[in-house]
Amino acid sequence: MEKVNLRRKILFFIVFAGIITFLLILIPSVEDLLSANIPAFKEAVNQYISGMFGKTEGMMAQTFVSLLVQFLRILKVILWMALIVSIIRFLRTLIFSTAFRSSTYEISSLVQNVLSIIVYIVAFFIIFNSQYPNVDLAALFTTSTILGVIIGLALQDTLGNLFAGLAMQADLPFQIGDVISIPTKGTGVVENISWRGVKIRTFQNKFLIISNSVLGKEAIEVAPRENLNARLVFFNTVYTSSPAKTVQIVREAVRQIENVSQKIRPIVRVKDLAASGIDWEIKYWLEDYSKYNDTDALIRQRVWYAFQREKIKFAYPTHTVHIAKQQPEDNFVETGNEIFERLSNVPIFAPLSDEETQKLAESSRVRVFAPDEAIVRQGQQGKSMFVIHNGSVKVQIKEEGNAKILGSLREGDFFGEMGLFTGEPRTATVIAEEETQVLEIDNLCLKPILEENPELLESFSRIIEARRTLLAEKQSESDNVKAENNAGVFQSIKKFFGLDS
């Protein structure tokens, strides 16, 4: 279809230019013929006027001939300008329809119009001077002060739009196809930039036309079409929903949506801890920003379905009337039997009887840590130990200012026992690798048990020393050091728990 239209335009240009060229060639011949036969022509005019008015009017014949000559000159100026206009329009069609068809940014019609006007003005000066060499157009325009003031006042808005459009083209704040948002006007896709203004197609499929002079005074938000532009979508959850689980589920749901860029991973983060629940925001990047309304809606839809599958609840304002006292819902509450079973399998508590282990389980605390959150820090004073109930942790120390990872611990493993039994500072930093649930046992939990059964002191000291010996072997420590530490651990435990008497 485009090729057919281009052929028609070429054919029309050839015919039109041919006719104009033929007339331009014919006019000089008419002028030569007229100049060679001016006396005879004047006589014929006089006879015609004499027949019409009954007398001979020489001055009228002279005037008529002068008007005819001027008419031919003006006709040549008009024909030359018509030829120049047709050539410029043909070249614009040919160049901008073919050479720039595959360019990234569409050439603005404002630039085309301005260049065309400049060519038309220059061509008019050249053609006019060729026909009227004794007339100085520059002096005529510069001396017409009153005319210039009148024209300037009449075209004030038009000239303002023109120069504002030229300034925007020089700065290039946006291109055709970009999405722009003007706070007081609206949002849409730029479809045309002209010398008068900008045409925007809104997302209601309406046209918004803003003059360049008005647009130059507005604050414009631009989303370039070749750029990865970000969007924010908000949602909320109840406080009983796991944040780590929510992040993982929502991020995976968003990544599968069409028009969400795969080059940058979506970000899901807590926006606020509100009165009714946790407020979240999703930050994602679009491939085509003009479709952000549909993409936002699809993200909200996918989040809803994901929450339905994973039993995660949205938060909303509620009023709860408590008829009877009850414990608040908590996803991380463990039953006494589960904690008892976990502590029974911890080697360091092997000397305890079932009754003593049950007391320890009842007094221990369940604590939950987020991914990458430190549970204990190196050098921190300790009075408790931890047993991993769910999840995993990594153990690291600082060497010469750099973090060195010693290993990982998983469900059933424990750490921090020296802090519980002796109160020594932490020798390493322990960080949760994922959402991790631990059982914390402090010295106040263990002290009543040791007071009732002091014989446990020696058993605990042997177990702790055996554990330290195992670690010392990895560090190639000597046996003498181990023997000295054995006596020291027993006395440290007695002193820390106040069992010297």
Protein backbone atom coordinates (compact mmCIF):
# COMPACT_ATOMS: atom_id res chain seq x y z
CA MET A 1 0.00 0.00 0.00
CA GLU A 2 2.81 2.41 0.85
CA LYS A 3 4.55 1.63 -2.44
CA VAL A 4 1.34 2.36 -4.40
CA ASN A 5 0.90 5.73 -2.63
CA LEU A 6 4.54 6.59 -3.27
CA ARG A 7 4.16 5.81 -6.97
CA ARG A 8 1.08 8.03 -7.19
CA LYS A 9 2.92 10.90 -5.53
CA ILE A 10 5.87 10.50 -7.92
CA LEU A 11 3.54 10.48 -10.95
CA PHE A 12 1.65 13.56 -9.70
CA PHE A 13 4.95 15.39 -9.07
CA ILE A 14 6.24 14.60 -12.58
CA VAL A 15 3.02 15.85 -14.23
CA PHE A 16 2.75 18.99 -12.07
CA ALA A 17 6.44 19.87 -12.42
CA GLY A 18 6.22 19.28 -16.18
CA ILE A 19 3.32 21.70 -16.55
CA ILE A 20 5.02 24.39 -14.45
CA THR A 21 8.28 23.96 -16.36
CA PHE A 22 6.47 24.24 -19.70
CA LEU A 23 4.81 27.51 -18.57
CA LEU A 24 8.13 28.91 -17.34
CA ILE A 25 9.69 28.14 -20.73
CA LEU A 26 6.71 29.64 -22.57
CA ILE A 27 6.60 32.99 -20.68
CA PRO A 28 10.04 34.26 -21.90
CA SER A 29 8.94 33.57 -25.48
CA VAL A 30 5.79 35.63 -24.90
CA GLU A 31 7.89 38.44 -23.37
CA ASP A 32 10.28 38.43 -26.36
CA LEU A 33 7.40 38.49 -28.80
CA LEU A 34 5.78 41.32 -26.88
CA SER A 35 8.96 43.42 -26.66
CA ALA A 36 9.64 43.03 -30.41
CA ASN A 37 6.16 44.21 -31.38
CA ILE A 38 5.41 46.84 -28.74
CA PRO A 39 4.64 49.68 -31.29
CA ALA A 40 2.23 47.54 -33.27
CA PHE A 41 0.73 46.23 -30.03
CA LYS A 42 0.19 49.77 -28.76
CA GLU A 43 -1.47 50.77 -32.06
CA ALA A 44 -3.80 47.78 -31.84
CA VAL A 45 -4.71 48.73 -28.29
CA ASN A 46 -5.33 52.33 -29.28
CA GLN A 47 -7.63 51.27 -32.13
CA TYR A 48 -9.53 48.99 -29.78
CA ILE A 49 -9.91 51.73 -27.16
CA SER A 50 -10.91 54.26 -29.90
CA GLY A 51 -13.59 51.92 -31.06
CA MET A 52 -14.84 51.47 -27.53
CA PHE A 53 -14.67 55.11 -26.32
CA GLY A 54 -14.63 57.05 -29.61
CA LYS A 55 -11.20 58.61 -29.00
CA THR A 56 -7.54 57.64 -28.83
CA GLU A 57 -6.00 57.28 -25.35
CA GLY A 58 -2.21 56.80 -25.68
CA MET A 59 -1.63 56.80 -21.94
CA MET A 60 -4.12 54.01 -21.46
CA ALA A 61 -2.34 51.88 -24.05
CA GLN A 62 1.01 52.50 -22.31
CA THR A 63 -0.49 51.57 -18.93
CA PHE A 64 -2.07 48.43 -20.30
CA VAL A 65 1.24 47.25 -21.76
CA SER A 66 3.07 47.95 -18.46
CA LEU A 67 0.46 46.02 -16.49
CA LEU A 68 0.79 43.08 -18.86
CA VAL A 69 4.59 43.03 -18.41
CA GLN A 70 4.24 43.19 -14.60
CA PHE A 71 1.64 40.43 -14.73
CA LEU A 72 4.05 38.17 -16.57
CA ARG A 73 6.80 38.85 -14.03
CA ILE A 74 4.49 38.13 -11.09
CA LEU A 75 3.26 35.00 -12.86
CA LYS A 76 6.87 33.81 -13.20
CA VAL A 77 7.47 34.40 -9.45
CA ILE A 78 4.32 32.42 -8.61
CA LEU A 79 5.21 29.58 -10.98
CA TRP A 80 8.80 29.38 -9.69
CA MET A 81 7.55 29.27 -6.05
CA ALA A 82 5.00 26.60 -6.98
CA LEU A 83 7.80 24.53 -8.53
CA ILE A 84 10.04 25.01 -5.46
CA VAL A 85 7.15 24.01 -3.08
CA SER A 86 6.39 20.89 -5.11
CA ILE A 87 10.07 19.87 -5.17
CA ILE A 88 10.48 20.38 -1.40
CA ARG A 89 7.33 18.43 -0.60
CA PHE A 90 8.36 15.62 -2.92
CA LEU A 91 11.81 15.43 -1.32
CA ARG A 92 10.27 15.41 2.18
CA THR A 93 8.01 12.55 1.22
CA LEU A 94 10.84 10.64 -0.44
CA ILE A 95 13.44 11.16 2.32
CA PHE A 96 11.33 10.83 5.45
CA SER A 97 9.22 7.98 4.10
CA THR A 98 12.12 5.82 2.95
CA ALA A 99 15.50 6.82 4.35
CA PHE A 100 14.26 7.36 7.94
CA ARG A 101 11.60 4.66 8.00
CA SER A 102 13.72 2.29 10.10
CA SER A 103 15.22 4.92 12.42
CA THR A 104 14.73 4.52 16.15
CA TYR A 105 13.03 7.89 16.65
CA GLU A 106 10.53 9.34 14.27
CA ILE A 107 11.61 12.67 12.80
CA SER A 108 9.40 15.42 14.17
CA SER A 109 7.19 17.25 11.71
CA LEU A 110 8.21 20.47 13.46
CA VAL A 111 11.78 20.09 12.19
CA GLN A 112 10.51 19.34 8.69
CA ASN A 113 8.25 22.41 8.66
CA VAL A 114 10.91 24.77 9.98
CA LEU A 115 13.47 23.61 7.41
CA SER A 116 10.89 23.89 4.64
CA ILE A 117 9.94 27.44 5.66
CA ILE A 118 13.59 28.50 5.66
CA VAL A 119 14.04 27.08 2.14
CA TYR A 120 10.84 28.79 0.96
CA ILE A 121 11.96 32.19 2.29
CA VAL A 122 15.42 31.92 0.73
CA ALA A 123 13.94 30.78 -2.59
CA PHE A 124 11.42 33.63 -2.59
CA PHE A 125 14.15 36.24 -2.04
CA ILE A 126 16.25 34.80 -4.88
CA ILE A 127 13.34 34.55 -7.33
CA PHE A 128 11.94 38.00 -6.47
CA ASN A 129 15.37 39.64 -6.88
CA SER A 130 15.79 37.95 -10.26
CA GLN A 131 12.58 39.60 -11.50
CA TYR A 132 12.87 42.90 -9.61
CA PRO A 133 16.59 43.57 -9.13
CA ASN A 134 16.00 47.22 -8.25
CA VAL A 135 13.75 46.41 -5.27
CA ASP A 136 15.55 45.86 -1.92
CA LEU A 137 13.36 43.48 0.09
CA ALA A 138 15.66 43.57 3.13
CA ALA A 139 15.35 47.36 3.39
CA LEU A 140 11.60 47.10 2.84
CA PHE A 141 11.18 44.69 5.76
CA THR A 142 13.57 46.45 8.13
CA THR A 143 12.00 49.89 7.60
CA SER A 144 8.44 48.68 8.09
CA THR A 145 8.53 49.12 11.86
CA ILE A 146 4.84 49.76 12.31
CA LEU A 147 3.97 46.77 10.11
CA GLY A 148 6.35 44.59 12.13
CA VAL A 149 4.79 45.65 15.45
CA ILE A 150 1.30 44.96 14.15
CA ILE A 151 2.27 41.54 12.80
CA GLY A 152 4.19 40.70 16.00
CA LEU A 153 1.19 41.52 18.22
CA ALA A 154 -1.18 39.61 15.97
CA LEU A 155 1.06 36.55 15.87
CA GLN A 156 2.21 36.69 19.49
CA ASP A 157 0.75 33.30 20.48
CA THR A 158 1.74 31.68 17.19
CA LEU A 159 5.34 32.86 17.43
CA GLY A 160 5.45 31.83 21.10
CA ASN A 161 4.39 28.31 20.14
CA LEU A 162 6.93 28.25 17.31
CA PHE A 163 9.92 29.30 19.43
CA ALA A 164 8.86 27.09 22.35
CA GLY A 165 8.65 24.18 19.91
CA LEU A 166 12.12 24.97 18.56
CA ALA A 167 13.49 25.08 22.13
CA MET A 168 11.98 21.68 22.89
CA GLN A 169 13.41 20.22 19.71
CA ALA A 170 16.85 21.50 20.70
CA ASP A 171 16.52 20.00 24.18
CA LEU A 172 14.66 16.82 23.06
CA PRO A 173 12.87 16.15 26.39
CA PHE A 174 10.70 13.48 24.76
CA GLN A 175 10.12 11.74 21.45
CA ILE A 176 7.15 10.39 19.56
CA GLY A 177 6.09 7.15 21.27
CA ASP A 178 7.19 8.21 24.78
CA VAL A 179 4.72 8.25 27.65
CA ILE A 180 4.53 11.66 29.31
CA SER A 181 2.61 12.79 32.38
CA ILE A 182 1.59 16.43 32.92
CA PRO A 183 0.15 16.94 36.43
CA THR A 184 -2.47 19.51 35.43
CA LYS A 185 -3.38 17.97 32.08
CA GLY A 186 -3.09 14.18 32.02
CA THR A 187 -1.02 11.20 30.90
CA GLY A 188 -0.64 9.57 27.50
CA VAL A 189 1.55 8.61 24.54
CA VAL A 190 3.07 11.33 22.35
CA GLU A 191 1.76 10.92 18.79
CA ASN A 192 2.76 14.15 17.08
CA ILE A 193 5.03 17.18 17.63
CA SER A 194 4.31 20.20 15.42
CA TRP A 195 5.23 23.88 15.33
CA ARG A 196 2.01 24.68 17.19
CA GLY A 197 1.91 22.03 19.90
CA VAL A 198 2.02 18.38 20.96
CA LYS A 199 -0.68 15.79 20.39
CA ILE A 200 -1.02 13.15 23.11
CA ARG A 201 -3.24 10.06 23.02
CA THR A 202 -4.50 9.46 26.56
CA PHE A 203 -5.19 6.02 28.01
CA GLN A 204 -8.91 6.72 27.51
CA ASN A 205 -8.13 6.80 23.76
CA LYS A 206 -8.75 10.54 23.57
CA PHE A 207 -6.52 13.22 22.11
CA LEU A 208 -4.96 15.86 24.34
CA ILE A 209 -3.50 18.77 22.34
CA ILE A 210 -1.28 21.20 24.25
CA SER A 211 0.38 24.27 22.74
CA ASN A 212 4.17 24.48 22.95
CA SER A 213 4.08 27.75 24.89
CA VAL A 214 1.91 26.17 27.61
CA LEU A 215 3.89 22.94 27.60
CA GLY A 216 7.15 24.83 28.12
CA LYS A 217 5.86 26.09 31.48
CA GLU A 218 4.79 22.67 32.82
CA ALA A 219 6.71 20.06 34.79
CA ILE A 220 6.70 16.98 32.57
CA GLU A 221 7.38 13.40 33.68
CA VAL A 222 8.78 11.38 30.75
CA ALA A 223 8.97 7.61 30.39
CA PRO A 224 11.13 7.01 27.27
CA ARG A 225 9.94 4.13 25.13
CA GLU A 226 13.44 2.61 24.80
CA ASN A 227 14.08 2.77 28.56
CA LEU A 228 13.30 0.23 31.33
CA ASN A 229 10.88 2.31 33.39
CA ALA A 230 9.90 1.18 36.89
CA ARG A 231 6.47 0.99 38.52
CA LEU A 232 5.28 0.53 42.11
CA VAL A 233 2.33 -1.69 43.08
CA PHE A 234 1.12 -1.87 46.68
CA PHE A 235 -0.58 -4.59 48.73
CA ASN A 236 -0.79 -5.67 52.36
CA THR A 237 -0.84 -8.80 54.51
CA VAL A 238 -1.79 -9.66 58.07
CA TYR A 239 0.95 -9.72 60.70
CA THR A 240 0.77 -13.49 61.08
CA SER A 241 2.03 -14.04 57.51
CA SER A 242 5.74 -14.77 57.21
CA PRO A 243 7.57 -11.83 55.52
CA ALA A 244 10.24 -14.08 54.01
CA LYS A 245 7.61 -16.40 52.53
CA THR A 246 5.60 -13.45 51.21
CA VAL A 247 8.66 -11.97 49.45
CA GLN A 248 9.49 -15.26 47.76
CA ILE A 249 5.93 -15.98 46.58
CA VAL A 250 5.20 -12.47 45.26
CA ARG A 251 8.55 -12.09 43.50
CA GLU A 252 8.10 -15.41 41.70
CA ALA A 253 4.55 -14.49 40.68
CA VAL A 254 5.62 -11.11 39.27
CA ARG A 255 8.53 -12.52 37.28
CA GLN A 256 6.18 -14.75 35.26
CA ILE A 257 4.02 -11.86 34.02
CA GLU A 258 4.25 -10.65 30.44
CA ASN A 259 5.71 -7.14 29.92
CA VAL A 260 7.73 -7.41 33.15
CA SER A 261 11.39 -7.10 32.20
CA GLN A 262 13.58 -10.11 32.91
CA LYS A 263 16.74 -7.97 32.92
CA ILE A 264 16.12 -6.60 36.44
CA ARG A 265 14.74 -8.76 39.23
CA PRO A 266 11.53 -7.36 40.80
CA ILE A 267 11.89 -5.99 44.33
CA VAL A 268 9.36 -6.89 47.03
CA ARG A 269 9.85 -5.00 50.29
CA VAL A 270 8.03 -3.88 53.44
CA LYS A 271 6.72 -0.33 53.02
CA ASP A 272 5.24 0.16 56.47
CA LEU A 273 4.07 -1.63 59.60
CA ALA A 274 0.55 -0.25 59.60
CA ALA A 275 -2.28 -0.48 62.09
CA SER A 276 -4.14 -3.21 60.21
CA GLY A 277 -1.20 -5.19 58.86
CA ILE A 278 2.05 -5.08 56.91
CA ASP A 279 2.08 -2.70 53.93
CA TRP A 280 4.17 -3.92 50.98
CA GLU A 281 5.37 -2.47 47.70
CA ILE A 282 6.44 -4.22 44.51
CA LYS A 283 8.95 -2.43 42.30
CA TYR A 284 9.23 -3.86 38.80
CA TRP A 285 10.46 -2.70 35.39
CA LEU A 286 8.37 -2.70 32.20
CA GLU A 287 9.37 -3.47 28.65
CA ASP A 288 6.53 -1.30 27.26
CA TYR A 289 5.58 1.45 29.70
CA SER A 290 2.49 2.44 27.72
CA LYS A 291 0.84 -0.80 28.98
CA TYR A 292 1.50 -0.15 32.65
CA ASN A 293 -2.20 -0.04 33.58
CA ASP A 294 -2.80 -3.57 32.28
CA THR A 295 0.44 -4.83 33.83
CA ASP A 296 -0.38 -3.33 37.24
CA ALA A 297 -3.80 -4.98 37.15
CA LEU A 298 -2.33 -8.35 36.14
CA ILE A 299 0.20 -8.19 38.99
CA ARG A 300 -2.57 -7.57 41.53
CA GLN A 301 -4.51 -10.49 40.08
CA ARG A 302 -1.56 -12.89 40.25
CA VAL A 303 -0.79 -11.84 43.84
CA TRP A 304 -4.37 -12.62 44.83
CA TYR A 305 -4.25 -16.11 43.31
CA ALA A 306 -0.82 -16.80 44.84
CA PHE A 307 -2.12 -15.81 48.28
CA GLN A 308 -5.12 -18.09 47.88
CA ARG A 309 -2.86 -21.05 47.11
CA GLU A 310 -0.43 -20.34 49.95
CA LYS A 311 -3.11 -19.42 52.55
CA ILE A 312 -1.75 -15.89 53.00
CA LYS A 313 -4.35 -13.33 54.05
CA PHE A 314 -4.74 -9.71 53.04
CA ALA A 315 -5.08 -7.16 55.83
CA TYR A 316 -8.07 -4.87 56.19
CA PRO A 317 -9.37 -2.66 59.01
CA THR A 318 -11.22 -4.74 61.61
CA HIS A 319 -12.56 -4.39 65.15
CA THR A 320 -12.24 -7.43 67.39
CA VAL A 321 -14.48 -7.82 70.45
CA HIS A 322 -12.85 -10.22 72.94
CA ILE A 323 -15.51 -12.21 74.76
CA ALA A 324 -12.98 -14.46 76.44
CA LYS A 325 -9.27 -14.15 77.00
CA GLN A 326 -7.31 -16.00 74.37
CA GLN A 327 -3.81 -16.18 72.96
CA PRO A 328 -3.20 -14.29 69.72
CA GLU A 329 -2.66 -16.35 66.61
CA ASP A 330 1.04 -17.01 66.02
CA ASN A 331 2.51 -19.03 63.18
CA PHE A 332 5.67 -19.70 65.18
CA VAL A 333 4.17 -21.17 68.38
CA GLU A 334 5.49 -24.69 68.98
CA THR A 335 3.89 -27.29 71.22
CA GLY A 336 5.66 -28.45 74.37
CA ASN A 337 6.12 -31.93 72.94
CA GLU A 338 7.92 -30.63 69.84
CA ILE A 339 10.34 -28.57 71.95
CA PHE A 340 10.87 -31.51 74.32
CA GLU A 341 11.67 -33.84 71.43
CA ARG A 342 14.09 -31.34 69.96
CA LEU A 343 15.99 -30.77 73.23
CA SER A 344 16.10 -34.50 73.97
CA ASN A 345 18.13 -35.00 70.80
CA VAL A 346 20.70 -32.32 71.66
CA PRO A 347 23.92 -34.09 72.79
CA ILE A 348 24.84 -31.44 75.34
CA PHE A 349 21.63 -32.10 77.29
CA ALA A 350 22.10 -35.88 77.36
CA PRO A 351 22.84 -35.95 81.15
CA LEU A 352 19.37 -34.52 81.87
CA SER A 353 16.47 -36.77 82.84
CA ASP A 354 13.17 -36.56 80.98
CA GLU A 355 11.69 -34.52 83.81
CA GLU A 356 14.61 -32.07 83.74
CA THR A 357 14.46 -31.85 79.95
CA GLN A 358 10.73 -31.10 80.18
CA LYS A 359 11.41 -28.23 82.61
CA LEU A 360 14.04 -26.86 80.26
CA ALA A 361 11.61 -27.09 77.32
CA GLU A 362 8.92 -25.23 79.23
CA SER A 363 11.26 -22.37 80.14
CA SER A 364 12.96 -22.00 76.73
CA ARG A 365 11.83 -19.38 74.21
CA VAL A 366 10.98 -19.77 70.52
CA ARG A 367 12.53 -17.00 68.44
CA VAL A 368 12.37 -16.36 64.67
CA PHE A 369 15.00 -14.53 62.62
CA ALA A 370 14.73 -13.15 59.09
CA PRO A 371 17.11 -14.15 56.28
CA ASP A 372 20.55 -12.53 56.67
CA GLU A 373 19.73 -11.37 60.22
CA ALA A 374 22.43 -11.90 62.86
CA ILE A 375 21.39 -14.11 65.79
CA VAL A 376 24.58 -13.51 67.80
CA ARG A 377 27.59 -11.33 67.06
CA GLN A 378 31.27 -11.95 67.67
CA GLY A 379 32.45 -10.33 70.91
CA GLN A 380 28.92 -9.92 72.27
CA GLN A 381 28.37 -10.90 75.88
CA GLY A 382 26.37 -14.14 76.09
CA LYS A 383 24.12 -15.73 78.69
CA SER A 384 22.22 -18.17 76.50
CA MET A 385 22.58 -20.86 73.85
CA PHE A 386 20.49 -21.66 70.79
CA VAL A 387 19.13 -24.84 69.22
CA ILE A 388 18.08 -24.66 65.56
CA HIS A 389 14.49 -25.87 65.26
CA ASN A 390 13.78 -24.91 61.64
CA GLY A 391 16.02 -23.35 58.99
CA SER A 392 19.78 -22.97 58.80
CA VAL A 393 22.54 -20.56 59.82
CA LYS A 394 26.10 -19.75 58.80
CA VAL A 395 28.97 -19.20 61.23
CA GLN A 396 31.57 -16.58 60.43
CA ILE A 397 34.45 -14.79 62.13
CA LYS A 398 36.41 -11.66 61.36
CA GLU A 399 40.03 -12.05 60.32
CA GLU A 400 41.99 -8.90 59.51
CA GLY A 401 38.75 -6.99 59.00
CA ASN A 402 37.28 -9.50 56.54
CA ALA A 403 34.43 -11.96 57.20
CA LYS A 404 35.43 -15.63 56.96
CA ILE A 405 32.71 -18.30 56.87
CA LEU A 406 33.52 -21.35 59.00
CA GLY A 407 30.50 -23.45 58.07
CA SER A 408 26.74 -23.94 58.28
CA LEU A 409 24.44 -25.40 60.92
CA ARG A 410 21.02 -26.92 60.33
CA GLU A 411 18.02 -28.32 62.23
CA GLY A 412 19.04 -30.01 65.48
CA ASP A 413 22.45 -28.29 65.67
CA PHE A 414 23.22 -25.88 68.50
CA PHE A 415 25.62 -23.00 69.19
CA GLY A 416 26.46 -20.50 71.92
CA GLU A 417 26.83 -23.12 74.70
CA MET A 418 29.83 -21.33 76.28
CA GLY A 419 27.67 -18.25 76.73
CA LEU A 420 25.05 -20.33 78.54
CA PHE A 421 27.43 -22.19 80.87
CA THR A 422 30.22 -19.66 81.47
CA GLY A 423 28.97 -16.29 80.20
CA GLU A 424 31.94 -15.94 77.85
CA PRO A 425 31.71 -13.49 74.94
CA ARG A 426 30.64 -14.92 71.59
CA THR A 427 33.58 -16.23 69.57
CA ALA A 428 31.79 -16.00 66.21
CA THR A 429 28.89 -14.33 64.44
CA VAL A 430 25.94 -16.55 63.53
CA ILE A 431 23.64 -15.34 60.72
CA ALA A 432 20.37 -16.87 59.53
CA GLU A 433 20.65 -18.11 55.93
CA GLU A 434 16.87 -18.28 55.57
CA GLU A 435 13.92 -17.67 57.84
CA THR A 436 15.14 -19.59 60.90
CA GLN A 437 13.38 -20.66 64.07
CA VAL A 438 15.58 -21.29 67.11
CA LEU A 439 15.04 -22.31 70.75
CA GLU A 440 16.82 -19.93 73.11
CA ILE A 441 17.86 -21.30 76.52
CA ASP A 442 19.34 -18.80 78.97
CA ASN A 443 21.08 -19.32 82.31
CA LEU A 444 17.89 -18.62 84.27
CA CYS A 445 16.30 -21.68 82.63
CA LEU A 446 19.19 -23.97 83.58
CA LYS A 447 20.06 -22.62 87.05
CA PRO A 448 17.12 -24.25 88.96
CA ILE A 449 17.99 -27.62 87.43
CA LEU A 450 21.67 -27.37 88.44
CA GLU A 451 20.73 -26.27 91.96
CA GLU A 452 18.55 -29.38 92.39
CA ASN A 453 21.14 -31.71 90.84
CA PRO A 454 24.73 -30.36 91.33
CA GLU A 455 26.18 -33.60 89.94
CA LEU A 456 25.20 -32.34 86.48
CA LEU A 457 28.01 -29.78 86.67
CA GLU A 458 30.70 -32.38 86.11
CA SER A 459 28.76 -34.05 83.30
CA PHE A 460 28.22 -30.76 81.51
CA SER A 461 31.85 -29.74 81.94
CA ARG A 462 33.05 -33.03 80.39
CA ILE A 463 30.69 -32.66 77.43
CA ILE A 464 31.67 -29.05 76.87
CA GLU A 465 35.35 -29.86 77.13
CA ALA A 466 34.97 -32.76 74.69
CA ARG A 467 33.32 -30.36 72.25
CA ARG A 468 36.10 -27.82 72.74
CA THR A 469 38.71 -30.55 72.32
CA LEU A 470 37.13 -31.51 68.99
CA LEU A 471 37.33 -27.92 67.84
CA ALA A 472 40.89 -27.62 69.20
CA GLU A 473 42.02 -30.65 67.21
CA LYS A 474 40.96 -28.87 64.07
CA GLN A 475 43.20 -26.00 65.12
CA SER A 476 46.11 -28.33 66.10
CA GLU A 477 46.15 -27.30 69.77
CA SER A 478 48.28 -29.25 72.29
CA ASP A 479 47.00 -31.81 74.87
CA ASN A 480 48.34 -29.70 77.76
CA VAL A 481 46.09 -26.88 76.82
CA LYS A 482 43.12 -29.25 76.78
CA ALA A 483 43.86 -30.53 80.29
CA GLU A 484 44.16 -27.03 81.64
CA ASN A 485 40.91 -26.04 80.00
CA ASN A 486 39.03 -29.01 81.54
CA ALA A 487 39.56 -27.78 85.08
CA GLY A 488 38.87 -24.22 84.00
CA VAL A 489 35.47 -25.05 82.44
CA PHE A 490 34.22 -26.80 85.61
CA GLN A 491 35.16 -23.86 87.83
CA SER A 492 33.77 -21.33 85.32
CA ILE A 493 30.38 -23.06 85.30
CA LYS A 494 30.22 -23.16 89.11
CA LYS A 495 31.15 -19.51 89.37
CA PHE A 496 28.78 -18.34 86.63
CA PHE A 497 25.76 -20.09 88.19
CA GLY A 498 26.78 -19.18 91.79
CA LEU A 499 27.24 -22.80 92.90
CA ASP A 500 30.61 -22.37 94.71
CA SER A 501 29.16 -23.24 98.12
